[in-house]
Amino acid sequence: MNMFFSGIKQIKSKEELTGYIGDPSPLVKAKPIDHLDSHCRTFLAHSPFAVLSTSDENGRCDASPRGDHPGFVYILDEHHLIIPERPGNKRMDTLKNLLENNRIGLLFLIPGFGETLRINGKGVVIKDEEILAPLSVRGKAPSLGIGVEVEECFIHCAKAMKRSGIWDQERWPDTGAMPTAARMLSDHAALKGQDENALTKRLEKGYREKLY
């Protein structure tokens, strides 16, 4: 138990939580399906961005973004899809987690669309060149992919999007006072010779040359 929260009132059981918040509506209970129907396929065909949630064998969690052209997810059939693994920073948190614990949760977004699509299931790390070939971009096929066996799909309401104003440009925060990503990386890593200027150039080169 985290001792910081030990003196703060907490919910301690599912029964207590339900009693405190209440039961979901019949619609919420009934909406999950166990396959990619035509609506899910249409949503995925328009989505350029997803967040992948995994955890390792000890339950240490990770949420990792994936983005590409709309419809970047390759649907094999109503129960299976593949997400291309494009060049990254080689931490491979998601892939390493799947090798220890195959459970995966996906959240797909469409810019300007309030509702999101949630998919839960089991994941594997794929290196099959024939299956990955259709995911090529600019003549480059991904060397790896994440195969997902779909167990649950459902639409999540737009309340979070509406509260955040994420698609409303007039509500976007002013980021002028924020440090650059390079500055944050430099301060966090604290590596010799990796100051803000050096990391700015490194990031720009990666974004320019290593997206695929």
N, C-alpha and C. Protein backbone atom coordinates (compact mmCIF):
# COMPACT_ATOMS: atom_id res chain seq x y z
N MET A 1 0.83 -1.20 0.00
CA MET A 1 0.00 0.00 0.00
C MET A 1 0.87 1.25 0.00
N ASN A 2 0.48 2.24 -0.77
CA ASN A 2 1.18 3.51 -0.78
C ASN A 2 0.88 4.26 0.51
N MET A 3 1.89 4.48 1.35
CA MET A 3 1.67 5.08 2.65
C MET A 3 1.21 6.53 2.54
N PHE A 4 1.50 7.19 1.44
CA PHE A 4 1.08 8.59 1.26
C PHE A 4 -0.43 8.71 1.37
N PHE A 5 -1.16 7.71 0.84
CA PHE A 5 -2.62 7.76 0.83
C PHE A 5 -3.26 7.03 2.01
N SER A 6 -2.43 6.48 2.92
CA SER A 6 -2.98 5.64 3.99
C SER A 6 -3.93 6.39 4.91
N GLY A 7 -3.75 7.69 5.07
CA GLY A 7 -4.62 8.44 5.97
C GLY A 7 -5.78 9.11 5.27
N ILE A 8 -5.98 8.81 3.98
CA ILE A 8 -7.05 9.42 3.20
C ILE A 8 -8.15 8.39 2.96
N LYS A 9 -9.40 8.81 3.07
CA LYS A 9 -10.53 7.90 2.87
C LYS A 9 -10.47 7.28 1.47
N GLN A 10 -10.68 5.97 1.43
CA GLN A 10 -10.58 5.23 0.17
C GLN A 10 -11.74 4.25 0.02
N ILE A 11 -12.03 3.91 -1.23
CA ILE A 11 -12.93 2.81 -1.54
C ILE A 11 -12.11 1.53 -1.48
N LYS A 12 -12.62 0.50 -0.80
CA LYS A 12 -11.83 -0.70 -0.57
C LYS A 12 -12.37 -1.96 -1.26
N SER A 13 -13.55 -1.89 -1.90
CA SER A 13 -14.09 -3.09 -2.53
C SER A 13 -14.99 -2.69 -3.71
N LYS A 14 -15.22 -3.65 -4.60
CA LYS A 14 -16.12 -3.40 -5.72
C LYS A 14 -17.54 -3.13 -5.23
N GLU A 15 -17.94 -3.84 -4.18
CA GLU A 15 -19.27 -3.65 -3.64
C GLU A 15 -19.43 -2.24 -3.07
N GLU A 16 -18.41 -1.76 -2.39
CA GLU A 16 -18.46 -0.40 -1.85
C GLU A 16 -18.50 0.62 -2.98
N LEU A 17 -17.73 0.37 -4.03
CA LEU A 17 -17.69 1.28 -5.18
C LEU A 17 -19.06 1.37 -5.85
N THR A 18 -19.69 0.21 -6.08
CA THR A 18 -21.01 0.20 -6.71
C THR A 18 -22.03 0.89 -5.83
N GLY A 19 -21.95 0.67 -4.52
CA GLY A 19 -22.87 1.33 -3.61
C GLY A 19 -22.68 2.84 -3.58
N TYR A 20 -21.48 3.27 -3.83
CA TYR A 20 -21.15 4.70 -3.79
C TYR A 20 -21.55 5.40 -5.08
N ILE A 21 -21.32 4.76 -6.22
CA ILE A 21 -21.57 5.36 -7.53
C ILE A 21 -22.90 4.92 -8.14
N GLY A 22 -23.28 3.68 -7.92
CA GLY A 22 -24.50 3.14 -8.51
C GLY A 22 -24.20 2.18 -9.64
N ASP A 23 -25.23 1.50 -10.14
CA ASP A 23 -25.08 0.54 -11.22
C ASP A 23 -25.12 1.23 -12.58
N PRO A 24 -24.40 0.68 -13.57
CA PRO A 24 -24.50 1.22 -14.92
C PRO A 24 -25.88 0.97 -15.51
N SER A 25 -26.23 1.76 -16.49
CA SER A 25 -27.53 1.63 -17.13
C SER A 25 -27.59 0.35 -17.96
N PRO A 26 -28.81 -0.11 -18.31
CA PRO A 26 -28.92 -1.28 -19.19
C PRO A 26 -28.17 -1.11 -20.50
N LEU A 27 -28.14 0.12 -21.05
CA LEU A 27 -27.41 0.37 -22.30
C LEU A 27 -25.92 0.13 -22.11
N VAL A 28 -25.36 0.66 -21.03
CA VAL A 28 -23.92 0.49 -20.77
C VAL A 28 -23.58 -0.98 -20.57
N LYS A 29 -24.46 -1.71 -19.91
CA LYS A 29 -24.21 -3.14 -19.69
C LYS A 29 -24.27 -3.94 -20.98
N ALA A 30 -25.15 -3.50 -21.89
CA ALA A 30 -25.40 -4.28 -23.10
C ALA A 30 -24.51 -3.92 -24.28
N LYS A 31 -23.82 -2.77 -24.23
CA LYS A 31 -23.14 -2.28 -25.44
C LYS A 31 -21.89 -3.06 -25.86
N PRO A 32 -21.14 -3.73 -24.96
CA PRO A 32 -19.95 -4.44 -25.44
C PRO A 32 -20.32 -5.60 -26.37
N ILE A 33 -19.56 -5.74 -27.45
CA ILE A 33 -19.69 -6.89 -28.33
C ILE A 33 -18.33 -7.59 -28.40
N ASP A 34 -18.32 -8.81 -28.93
CA ASP A 34 -17.09 -9.60 -28.90
C ASP A 34 -16.41 -9.73 -30.25
N HIS A 35 -16.73 -8.81 -31.17
CA HIS A 35 -16.15 -8.90 -32.51
C HIS A 35 -16.16 -7.53 -33.17
N LEU A 36 -15.42 -7.42 -34.28
CA LEU A 36 -15.36 -6.18 -35.03
C LEU A 36 -16.48 -6.18 -36.06
N ASP A 37 -17.60 -5.56 -35.72
CA ASP A 37 -18.71 -5.49 -36.67
C ASP A 37 -18.47 -4.36 -37.67
N SER A 38 -19.44 -4.07 -38.51
CA SER A 38 -19.25 -3.05 -39.55
C SER A 38 -19.01 -1.67 -38.94
N HIS A 39 -19.63 -1.38 -37.80
CA HIS A 39 -19.43 -0.07 -37.16
C HIS A 39 -18.00 0.07 -36.63
N CYS A 40 -17.50 -0.98 -35.99
CA CYS A 40 -16.11 -0.94 -35.50
C CYS A 40 -15.13 -0.81 -36.65
N ARG A 41 -15.39 -1.52 -37.74
CA ARG A 41 -14.51 -1.45 -38.90
C ARG A 41 -14.50 -0.05 -39.50
N THR A 42 -15.67 0.57 -39.57
CA THR A 42 -15.75 1.93 -40.09
C THR A 42 -15.00 2.90 -39.20
N PHE A 43 -15.14 2.73 -37.88
CA PHE A 43 -14.43 3.58 -36.93
C PHE A 43 -12.93 3.44 -37.13
N LEU A 44 -12.44 2.21 -37.21
CA LEU A 44 -11.01 1.97 -37.38
C LEU A 44 -10.51 2.51 -38.71
N ALA A 45 -11.35 2.49 -39.73
CA ALA A 45 -10.96 3.01 -41.04
C ALA A 45 -10.74 4.52 -41.02
N HIS A 46 -11.33 5.21 -40.03
CA HIS A 46 -11.20 6.66 -39.92
C HIS A 46 -10.23 7.10 -38.83
N SER A 47 -9.75 6.16 -38.04
CA SER A 47 -8.92 6.52 -36.89
C SER A 47 -7.44 6.53 -37.23
N PRO A 48 -6.74 7.66 -36.96
CA PRO A 48 -5.30 7.74 -37.18
C PRO A 48 -4.48 7.61 -35.90
N PHE A 49 -5.17 7.33 -34.77
CA PHE A 49 -4.44 7.39 -33.48
C PHE A 49 -5.06 6.42 -32.48
N ALA A 50 -4.18 5.76 -31.73
CA ALA A 50 -4.62 4.83 -30.69
C ALA A 50 -3.68 4.88 -29.50
N VAL A 51 -4.19 4.52 -28.34
CA VAL A 51 -3.39 4.34 -27.14
C VAL A 51 -3.46 2.86 -26.76
N LEU A 52 -2.29 2.24 -26.58
CA LEU A 52 -2.21 0.83 -26.24
C LEU A 52 -1.83 0.68 -24.77
N SER A 53 -2.62 -0.08 -24.04
CA SER A 53 -2.36 -0.30 -22.62
C SER A 53 -1.98 -1.75 -22.37
N THR A 54 -0.85 -1.93 -21.69
CA THR A 54 -0.38 -3.27 -21.36
C THR A 54 0.23 -3.24 -19.96
N SER A 55 0.56 -4.41 -19.45
CA SER A 55 1.29 -4.49 -18.18
C SER A 55 2.19 -5.70 -18.21
N ASP A 56 3.24 -5.66 -17.39
CA ASP A 56 4.16 -6.79 -17.36
C ASP A 56 3.66 -7.87 -16.40
N GLU A 57 4.46 -8.88 -16.18
CA GLU A 57 4.03 -10.00 -15.34
C GLU A 57 3.79 -9.60 -13.89
N ASN A 58 4.34 -8.47 -13.48
CA ASN A 58 4.16 -7.99 -12.11
C ASN A 58 3.08 -6.93 -12.00
N GLY A 59 2.39 -6.63 -13.11
CA GLY A 59 1.32 -5.66 -13.08
C GLY A 59 1.75 -4.22 -13.29
N ARG A 60 3.02 -4.00 -13.60
CA ARG A 60 3.49 -2.64 -13.90
C ARG A 60 2.91 -2.22 -15.24
N CYS A 61 2.17 -1.12 -15.24
CA CYS A 61 1.37 -0.73 -16.40
C CYS A 61 2.09 0.26 -17.30
N ASP A 62 1.65 0.28 -18.55
CA ASP A 62 2.19 1.21 -19.54
C ASP A 62 1.09 1.57 -20.52
N ALA A 63 1.04 2.83 -20.93
CA ALA A 63 0.14 3.28 -21.99
C ALA A 63 0.99 3.95 -23.05
N SER A 64 0.88 3.47 -24.28
CA SER A 64 1.77 3.93 -25.34
C SER A 64 0.97 4.36 -26.56
N PRO A 65 1.31 5.51 -27.17
CA PRO A 65 0.57 5.98 -28.34
C PRO A 65 1.04 5.32 -29.62
N ARG A 66 0.10 5.18 -30.57
CA ARG A 66 0.41 4.73 -31.92
C ARG A 66 -0.37 5.63 -32.89
N GLY A 67 0.30 6.12 -33.91
CA GLY A 67 -0.38 6.98 -34.86
C GLY A 67 0.13 6.77 -36.27
N ASP A 68 -0.76 6.94 -37.25
CA ASP A 68 -0.41 6.77 -38.65
C ASP A 68 -1.55 7.33 -39.48
N HIS A 69 -1.60 6.99 -40.75
CA HIS A 69 -2.69 7.44 -41.59
C HIS A 69 -4.01 6.83 -41.11
N PRO A 70 -5.16 7.47 -41.35
CA PRO A 70 -6.44 6.87 -40.96
C PRO A 70 -6.59 5.47 -41.57
N GLY A 71 -7.00 4.54 -40.74
CA GLY A 71 -7.12 3.16 -41.19
C GLY A 71 -5.83 2.39 -41.15
N PHE A 72 -4.87 2.84 -40.34
CA PHE A 72 -3.56 2.18 -40.31
C PHE A 72 -3.61 0.79 -39.69
N VAL A 73 -4.67 0.48 -38.99
CA VAL A 73 -4.82 -0.84 -38.39
C VAL A 73 -5.30 -1.83 -39.47
N TYR A 74 -4.65 -2.96 -39.55
CA TYR A 74 -4.97 -3.98 -40.55
C TYR A 74 -5.94 -4.98 -39.93
N ILE A 75 -7.16 -5.04 -40.47
CA ILE A 75 -8.17 -5.95 -39.95
C ILE A 75 -8.11 -7.25 -40.73
N LEU A 76 -7.81 -8.35 -40.06
CA LEU A 76 -7.73 -9.66 -40.70
C LEU A 76 -9.10 -10.29 -40.83
N ASP A 77 -9.87 -10.24 -39.75
CA ASP A 77 -11.25 -10.73 -39.75
C ASP A 77 -11.94 -10.11 -38.56
N GLU A 78 -13.13 -10.56 -38.23
CA GLU A 78 -13.91 -9.90 -37.18
C GLU A 78 -13.36 -10.12 -35.78
N HIS A 79 -12.34 -10.95 -35.65
CA HIS A 79 -11.78 -11.21 -34.33
C HIS A 79 -10.28 -10.90 -34.23
N HIS A 80 -9.68 -10.46 -35.32
CA HIS A 80 -8.22 -10.26 -35.30
C HIS A 80 -7.81 -9.02 -36.09
N LEU A 81 -6.86 -8.27 -35.52
CA LEU A 81 -6.31 -7.10 -36.19
C LEU A 81 -4.81 -7.02 -35.91
N ILE A 82 -4.13 -6.22 -36.74
CA ILE A 82 -2.69 -6.03 -36.57
C ILE A 82 -2.38 -4.54 -36.57
N ILE A 83 -1.55 -4.13 -35.62
CA ILE A 83 -1.09 -2.75 -35.52
C ILE A 83 0.39 -2.73 -35.90
N PRO A 84 0.77 -1.95 -36.91
CA PRO A 84 2.19 -1.92 -37.32
C PRO A 84 3.06 -1.29 -36.24
N GLU A 85 4.23 -1.83 -36.08
CA GLU A 85 5.21 -1.28 -35.13
C GLU A 85 6.22 -0.48 -35.93
N ARG A 86 6.03 0.83 -36.00
CA ARG A 86 6.93 1.70 -36.77
C ARG A 86 8.19 1.99 -35.96
N PRO A 87 9.24 2.54 -36.61
CA PRO A 87 10.48 2.85 -35.88
C PRO A 87 10.22 3.77 -34.69
N GLY A 88 10.83 3.45 -33.57
CA GLY A 88 10.64 4.24 -32.35
C GLY A 88 11.95 4.39 -31.61
N ASN A 89 11.84 4.50 -30.28
CA ASN A 89 13.03 4.73 -29.47
C ASN A 89 13.67 3.43 -28.96
N LYS A 90 13.12 2.28 -29.36
CA LYS A 90 13.65 0.96 -29.03
C LYS A 90 13.48 0.58 -27.55
N ARG A 91 12.66 1.34 -26.81
CA ARG A 91 12.33 0.89 -25.45
C ARG A 91 11.47 -0.37 -25.51
N MET A 92 10.55 -0.39 -26.45
CA MET A 92 9.70 -1.56 -26.69
C MET A 92 8.90 -1.99 -25.47
N ASP A 93 8.43 -1.00 -24.69
CA ASP A 93 7.68 -1.32 -23.48
C ASP A 93 6.46 -2.20 -23.78
N THR A 94 5.68 -1.82 -24.80
CA THR A 94 4.49 -2.58 -25.13
C THR A 94 4.84 -4.01 -25.53
N LEU A 95 5.83 -4.15 -26.39
CA LEU A 95 6.20 -5.48 -26.88
C LEU A 95 6.74 -6.36 -25.76
N LYS A 96 7.58 -5.80 -24.93
CA LYS A 96 8.13 -6.57 -23.81
C LYS A 96 7.02 -7.00 -22.85
N ASN A 97 6.09 -6.09 -22.60
CA ASN A 97 4.97 -6.45 -21.72
C ASN A 97 4.16 -7.60 -22.30
N LEU A 98 3.88 -7.56 -23.61
CA LEU A 98 3.08 -8.61 -24.22
C LEU A 98 3.77 -9.97 -24.15
N LEU A 99 5.08 -9.99 -24.13
CA LEU A 99 5.80 -11.25 -24.01
C LEU A 99 5.68 -11.84 -22.61
N GLU A 100 5.34 -11.00 -21.64
CA GLU A 100 5.16 -11.47 -20.27
C GLU A 100 3.68 -11.62 -19.89
N ASN A 101 2.84 -10.76 -20.45
CA ASN A 101 1.42 -10.74 -20.12
C ASN A 101 0.67 -10.32 -21.38
N ASN A 102 -0.08 -11.23 -21.97
CA ASN A 102 -0.64 -10.96 -23.30
C ASN A 102 -1.92 -10.13 -23.30
N ARG A 103 -2.35 -9.65 -22.16
CA ARG A 103 -3.56 -8.82 -22.12
C ARG A 103 -3.26 -7.42 -22.66
N ILE A 104 -4.21 -6.88 -23.46
CA ILE A 104 -4.00 -5.56 -24.05
C ILE A 104 -5.33 -4.82 -24.15
N GLY A 105 -5.27 -3.50 -23.94
CA GLY A 105 -6.43 -2.64 -24.10
C GLY A 105 -6.10 -1.53 -25.09
N LEU A 106 -7.02 -1.26 -26.01
CA LEU A 106 -6.81 -0.27 -27.06
C LEU A 106 -7.88 0.82 -26.98
N LEU A 107 -7.47 2.05 -27.19
CA LEU A 107 -8.39 3.18 -27.25
C LEU A 107 -8.13 3.93 -28.55
N PHE A 108 -9.11 3.94 -29.44
CA PHE A 108 -8.96 4.58 -30.75
C PHE A 108 -9.71 5.92 -30.78
N LEU A 109 -9.06 6.93 -31.37
CA LEU A 109 -9.63 8.26 -31.49
C LEU A 109 -9.71 8.68 -32.95
N ILE A 110 -10.70 9.54 -33.24
CA ILE A 110 -10.83 10.18 -34.55
C ILE A 110 -10.87 11.68 -34.30
N PRO A 111 -9.96 12.47 -34.87
CA PRO A 111 -9.97 13.92 -34.66
C PRO A 111 -11.33 14.53 -34.97
N GLY A 112 -11.83 15.34 -34.04
CA GLY A 112 -13.11 16.00 -34.23
C GLY A 112 -14.30 15.16 -33.85
N PHE A 113 -14.11 13.89 -33.56
CA PHE A 113 -15.20 12.98 -33.21
C PHE A 113 -15.15 12.74 -31.71
N GLY A 114 -16.25 12.96 -31.02
CA GLY A 114 -16.23 12.90 -29.57
C GLY A 114 -16.09 11.51 -28.99
N GLU A 115 -16.82 10.56 -29.52
CA GLU A 115 -16.78 9.20 -28.98
C GLU A 115 -15.49 8.48 -29.37
N THR A 116 -15.08 7.54 -28.56
CA THR A 116 -13.90 6.73 -28.84
C THR A 116 -14.30 5.26 -28.92
N LEU A 117 -13.43 4.45 -29.49
CA LEU A 117 -13.67 3.01 -29.58
C LEU A 117 -12.67 2.29 -28.70
N ARG A 118 -13.19 1.47 -27.80
CA ARG A 118 -12.33 0.68 -26.92
C ARG A 118 -12.36 -0.78 -27.33
N ILE A 119 -11.19 -1.38 -27.40
CA ILE A 119 -11.06 -2.79 -27.76
C ILE A 119 -10.15 -3.46 -26.74
N ASN A 120 -10.59 -4.58 -26.20
CA ASN A 120 -9.80 -5.34 -25.24
C ASN A 120 -9.60 -6.76 -25.75
N GLY A 121 -8.46 -7.34 -25.44
CA GLY A 121 -8.22 -8.70 -25.87
C GLY A 121 -6.84 -9.19 -25.51
N LYS A 122 -6.30 -10.06 -26.37
CA LYS A 122 -4.99 -10.65 -26.16
C LYS A 122 -4.07 -10.23 -27.31
N GLY A 123 -2.80 -9.98 -26.99
CA GLY A 123 -1.86 -9.52 -28.00
C GLY A 123 -0.66 -10.42 -28.16
N VAL A 124 -0.11 -10.44 -29.37
CA VAL A 124 1.12 -11.17 -29.66
C VAL A 124 2.03 -10.26 -30.48
N VAL A 125 3.31 -10.56 -30.47
CA VAL A 125 4.30 -9.82 -31.28
C VAL A 125 4.56 -10.62 -32.55
N ILE A 126 4.29 -10.01 -33.70
CA ILE A 126 4.36 -10.70 -34.99
C ILE A 126 5.59 -10.25 -35.77
N LYS A 127 6.28 -11.21 -36.39
CA LYS A 127 7.41 -10.88 -37.27
C LYS A 127 7.23 -11.49 -38.66
N ASP A 128 6.04 -11.98 -38.97
CA ASP A 128 5.75 -12.63 -40.24
C ASP A 128 5.75 -11.61 -41.37
N GLU A 129 6.71 -11.72 -42.29
CA GLU A 129 6.87 -10.73 -43.36
C GLU A 129 5.66 -10.68 -44.29
N GLU A 130 5.07 -11.81 -44.57
CA GLU A 130 3.93 -11.87 -45.49
C GLU A 130 2.72 -11.14 -44.92
N ILE A 131 2.47 -11.33 -43.65
CA ILE A 131 1.32 -10.67 -43.01
C ILE A 131 1.57 -9.18 -42.85
N LEU A 132 2.82 -8.80 -42.60
CA LEU A 132 3.15 -7.39 -42.37
C LEU A 132 3.28 -6.58 -43.66
N ALA A 133 3.44 -7.24 -44.78
CA ALA A 133 3.65 -6.54 -46.05
C ALA A 133 2.54 -5.54 -46.39
N PRO A 134 1.25 -5.86 -46.16
CA PRO A 134 0.19 -4.90 -46.48
C PRO A 134 0.24 -3.62 -45.64
N LEU A 135 1.05 -3.60 -44.60
CA LEU A 135 1.16 -2.43 -43.73
C LEU A 135 2.32 -1.52 -44.14
N SER A 136 2.86 -1.76 -45.33
CA SER A 136 3.98 -0.95 -45.81
C SER A 136 3.55 0.49 -46.08
N VAL A 137 4.46 1.41 -45.79
CA VAL A 137 4.29 2.83 -46.10
C VAL A 137 5.59 3.32 -46.72
N ARG A 138 5.48 4.05 -47.83
CA ARG A 138 6.66 4.55 -48.55
C ARG A 138 7.62 3.42 -48.91
N GLY A 139 7.03 2.27 -49.21
CA GLY A 139 7.83 1.12 -49.61
C GLY A 139 8.50 0.39 -48.47
N LYS A 140 8.21 0.77 -47.24
CA LYS A 140 8.85 0.16 -46.08
C LYS A 140 7.82 -0.60 -45.24
N ALA A 141 8.00 -1.88 -45.14
CA ALA A 141 7.14 -2.69 -44.29
C ALA A 141 7.65 -2.66 -42.85
N PRO A 142 6.76 -2.67 -41.87
CA PRO A 142 7.24 -2.73 -40.48
C PRO A 142 7.92 -4.06 -40.21
N SER A 143 8.96 -4.03 -39.43
CA SER A 143 9.66 -5.28 -39.12
C SER A 143 8.87 -6.12 -38.12
N LEU A 144 8.03 -5.47 -37.35
CA LEU A 144 7.21 -6.16 -36.36
C LEU A 144 5.79 -5.57 -36.36
N GLY A 145 4.87 -6.33 -35.81
CA GLY A 145 3.52 -5.85 -35.64
C GLY A 145 2.93 -6.42 -34.36
N ILE A 146 1.85 -5.81 -33.91
CA ILE A 146 1.14 -6.30 -32.73
C ILE A 146 -0.17 -6.92 -33.20
N GLY A 147 -0.28 -8.23 -33.07
CA GLY A 147 -1.51 -8.91 -33.40
C GLY A 147 -2.43 -8.94 -32.20
N VAL A 148 -3.70 -8.60 -32.42
CA VAL A 148 -4.66 -8.56 -31.33
C VAL A 148 -5.83 -9.49 -31.60
N GLU A 149 -6.09 -10.39 -30.67
CA GLU A 149 -7.29 -11.21 -30.70
C GLU A 149 -8.37 -10.46 -29.92
N VAL A 150 -9.38 -10.02 -30.64
CA VAL A 150 -10.41 -9.15 -30.06
C VAL A 150 -11.38 -9.96 -29.21
N GLU A 151 -11.58 -9.51 -27.98
CA GLU A 151 -12.53 -10.16 -27.08
C GLU A 151 -13.69 -9.24 -26.72
N GLU A 152 -13.46 -7.94 -26.77
CA GLU A 152 -14.50 -6.99 -26.35
C GLU A 152 -14.32 -5.67 -27.10
N CYS A 153 -15.41 -5.12 -27.63
CA CYS A 153 -15.40 -3.82 -28.30
C CYS A 153 -16.59 -3.03 -27.82
N PHE A 154 -16.39 -1.74 -27.63
CA PHE A 154 -17.55 -0.88 -27.35
C PHE A 154 -17.20 0.58 -27.54
N ILE A 155 -18.23 1.36 -27.82
CA ILE A 155 -18.10 2.80 -27.98
C ILE A 155 -18.11 3.45 -26.61
N HIS A 156 -17.18 4.37 -26.39
CA HIS A 156 -17.11 5.12 -25.14
C HIS A 156 -17.65 6.53 -25.40
N CYS A 157 -18.49 7.01 -24.51
CA CYS A 157 -19.16 8.29 -24.73
C CYS A 157 -18.17 9.45 -24.77
N ALA A 158 -18.65 10.62 -25.23
CA ALA A 158 -17.79 11.78 -25.50
C ALA A 158 -17.62 12.72 -24.32
N LYS A 159 -18.04 12.33 -23.13
CA LYS A 159 -17.98 13.27 -22.00
C LYS A 159 -16.56 13.77 -21.73
N ALA A 160 -15.59 12.88 -21.76
CA ALA A 160 -14.21 13.29 -21.49
C ALA A 160 -13.73 14.28 -22.54
N MET A 161 -14.08 14.04 -23.80
CA MET A 161 -13.68 14.94 -24.87
C MET A 161 -14.34 16.31 -24.73
N LYS A 162 -15.60 16.29 -24.36
CA LYS A 162 -16.32 17.56 -24.20
C LYS A 162 -15.79 18.34 -22.99
N ARG A 163 -15.50 17.65 -21.90
CA ARG A 163 -14.95 18.33 -20.73
C ARG A 163 -13.59 18.95 -21.04
N SER A 164 -12.78 18.21 -21.79
CA SER A 164 -11.42 18.67 -22.07
C SER A 164 -11.36 19.70 -23.18
N GLY A 165 -12.36 19.70 -24.07
CA GLY A 165 -12.32 20.59 -25.23
C GLY A 165 -11.19 20.24 -26.17
N ILE A 166 -10.82 18.97 -26.20
CA ILE A 166 -9.63 18.57 -26.95
C ILE A 166 -9.73 18.86 -28.45
N TRP A 167 -10.92 18.85 -29.00
CA TRP A 167 -11.06 19.13 -30.43
C TRP A 167 -11.50 20.57 -30.71
N ASP A 168 -11.64 21.36 -29.66
CA ASP A 168 -12.07 22.76 -29.80
C ASP A 168 -10.85 23.66 -29.70
N GLN A 169 -10.37 24.14 -30.83
CA GLN A 169 -9.12 24.91 -30.85
C GLN A 169 -9.19 26.15 -29.98
N GLU A 170 -10.34 26.74 -29.83
CA GLU A 170 -10.48 27.94 -29.01
C GLU A 170 -10.22 27.64 -27.54
N ARG A 171 -10.33 26.40 -27.15
CA ARG A 171 -10.11 26.02 -25.75
C ARG A 171 -8.72 25.43 -25.52
N TRP A 172 -7.92 25.34 -26.56
CA TRP A 172 -6.58 24.80 -26.38
C TRP A 172 -5.75 25.71 -25.48
N PRO A 173 -4.96 25.15 -24.56
CA PRO A 173 -4.13 25.98 -23.67
C PRO A 173 -2.99 26.64 -24.42
N ASP A 174 -2.57 27.77 -23.92
CA ASP A 174 -1.41 28.46 -24.48
C ASP A 174 -0.15 27.75 -24.00
N THR A 175 0.60 27.18 -24.92
CA THR A 175 1.80 26.42 -24.56
C THR A 175 3.08 27.24 -24.71
N GLY A 176 2.93 28.55 -24.89
CA GLY A 176 4.09 29.40 -25.10
C GLY A 176 5.07 29.40 -23.95
N ALA A 177 4.56 29.21 -22.74
CA ALA A 177 5.44 29.23 -21.56
C ALA A 177 6.04 27.86 -21.25
N MET A 178 5.63 26.85 -22.00
CA MET A 178 6.15 25.51 -21.72
C MET A 178 7.59 25.34 -22.21
N PRO A 179 8.38 24.54 -21.52
CA PRO A 179 9.70 24.20 -22.04
C PRO A 179 9.54 23.32 -23.28
N THR A 180 10.52 23.33 -24.16
CA THR A 180 10.48 22.46 -25.32
C THR A 180 10.65 21.01 -24.90
N ALA A 181 10.25 20.11 -25.78
CA ALA A 181 10.47 18.68 -25.49
C ALA A 181 11.95 18.39 -25.32
N ALA A 182 12.77 19.06 -26.13
CA ALA A 182 14.22 18.85 -26.02
C ALA A 182 14.74 19.29 -24.66
N ARG A 183 14.21 20.38 -24.15
CA ARG A 183 14.64 20.86 -22.83
C ARG A 183 14.25 19.87 -21.74
N MET A 184 13.05 19.36 -21.82
CA MET A 184 12.60 18.39 -20.83
C MET A 184 13.45 17.12 -20.89
N LEU A 185 13.72 16.64 -22.11
CA LEU A 185 14.56 15.45 -22.25
C LEU A 185 15.96 15.68 -21.70
N SER A 186 16.50 16.85 -22.00
CA SER A 186 17.85 17.17 -21.53
C SER A 186 17.91 17.18 -20.00
N ASP A 187 16.93 17.80 -19.37
CA ASP A 187 16.91 17.87 -17.91
C ASP A 187 16.66 16.50 -17.28
N HIS A 188 15.79 15.72 -17.90
CA HIS A 188 15.47 14.40 -17.33
C HIS A 188 16.63 13.43 -17.47
N ALA A 189 17.22 13.37 -18.67
CA ALA A 189 18.29 12.41 -18.91
C ALA A 189 19.62 12.84 -18.29
N ALA A 190 19.87 14.15 -18.29
CA ALA A 190 21.10 14.70 -17.71
C ALA A 190 22.35 14.01 -18.24
N LEU A 191 22.40 13.86 -19.55
CA LEU A 191 23.56 13.22 -20.17
C LEU A 191 24.54 14.27 -20.69
N LYS A 192 25.80 14.00 -20.52
CA LYS A 192 26.83 14.92 -20.97
C LYS A 192 26.76 15.09 -22.50
N GLY A 193 26.80 16.31 -22.96
CA GLY A 193 26.77 16.59 -24.39
C GLY A 193 25.40 16.55 -25.02
N GLN A 194 24.36 16.32 -24.20
CA GLN A 194 22.99 16.24 -24.71
C GLN A 194 22.19 17.40 -24.15
N ASP A 195 22.57 18.62 -24.54
CA ASP A 195 21.83 19.78 -24.08
C ASP A 195 20.62 20.01 -24.98
N GLU A 196 19.89 21.09 -24.72
CA GLU A 196 18.66 21.36 -25.46
C GLU A 196 18.91 21.49 -26.95
N ASN A 197 19.96 22.18 -27.34
CA ASN A 197 20.24 22.38 -28.76
C ASN A 197 20.56 21.06 -29.45
N ALA A 198 21.37 20.24 -28.81
CA ALA A 198 21.73 18.96 -29.40
C ALA A 198 20.52 18.05 -29.55
N LEU A 199 19.66 18.06 -28.55
CA LEU A 199 18.48 17.20 -28.60
C LEU A 199 17.43 17.73 -29.56
N THR A 200 17.37 19.04 -29.73
CA THR A 200 16.46 19.61 -30.73
C THR A 200 16.82 19.09 -32.11
N LYS A 201 18.11 19.12 -32.44
CA LYS A 201 18.58 18.63 -33.73
C LYS A 201 18.32 17.13 -33.87
N ARG A 202 18.51 16.41 -32.79
CA ARG A 202 18.30 14.96 -32.82
C ARG A 202 16.83 14.63 -33.05
N LEU A 203 15.95 15.33 -32.37
CA LEU A 203 14.52 15.11 -32.55
C LEU A 203 14.08 15.46 -33.97
N GLU A 204 14.53 16.60 -34.45
CA GLU A 204 14.14 17.04 -35.79
C GLU A 204 14.60 16.04 -36.85
N LYS A 205 15.79 15.51 -36.69
CA LYS A 205 16.32 14.52 -37.64
C LYS A 205 15.47 13.25 -37.60
N GLY A 206 15.11 12.82 -36.40
CA GLY A 206 14.29 11.62 -36.26
C GLY A 206 12.91 11.81 -36.88
N TYR A 207 12.30 12.96 -36.63
CA TYR A 207 10.97 13.22 -37.19
C TYR A 207 11.03 13.33 -38.71
N ARG A 208 12.15 13.82 -39.21
CA ARG A 208 12.30 14.03 -40.65
C ARG A 208 12.64 12.73 -41.40
N GLU A 209 13.45 11.89 -40.78
CA GLU A 209 14.01 10.76 -41.51
C GLU A 209 13.57 9.39 -41.04
N LYS A 210 12.97 9.28 -39.84
CA LYS A 210 12.75 7.97 -39.27
C LYS A 210 11.31 7.69 -38.86
N LEU A 211 10.36 8.28 -39.58
CA LEU A 211 8.95 7.97 -39.28
C LEU A 211 8.59 6.56 -39.77
N TYR A 212 9.25 6.13 -40.83
CA TYR A 212 8.95 4.79 -41.40
C TYR A 212 10.23 4.05 -41.71
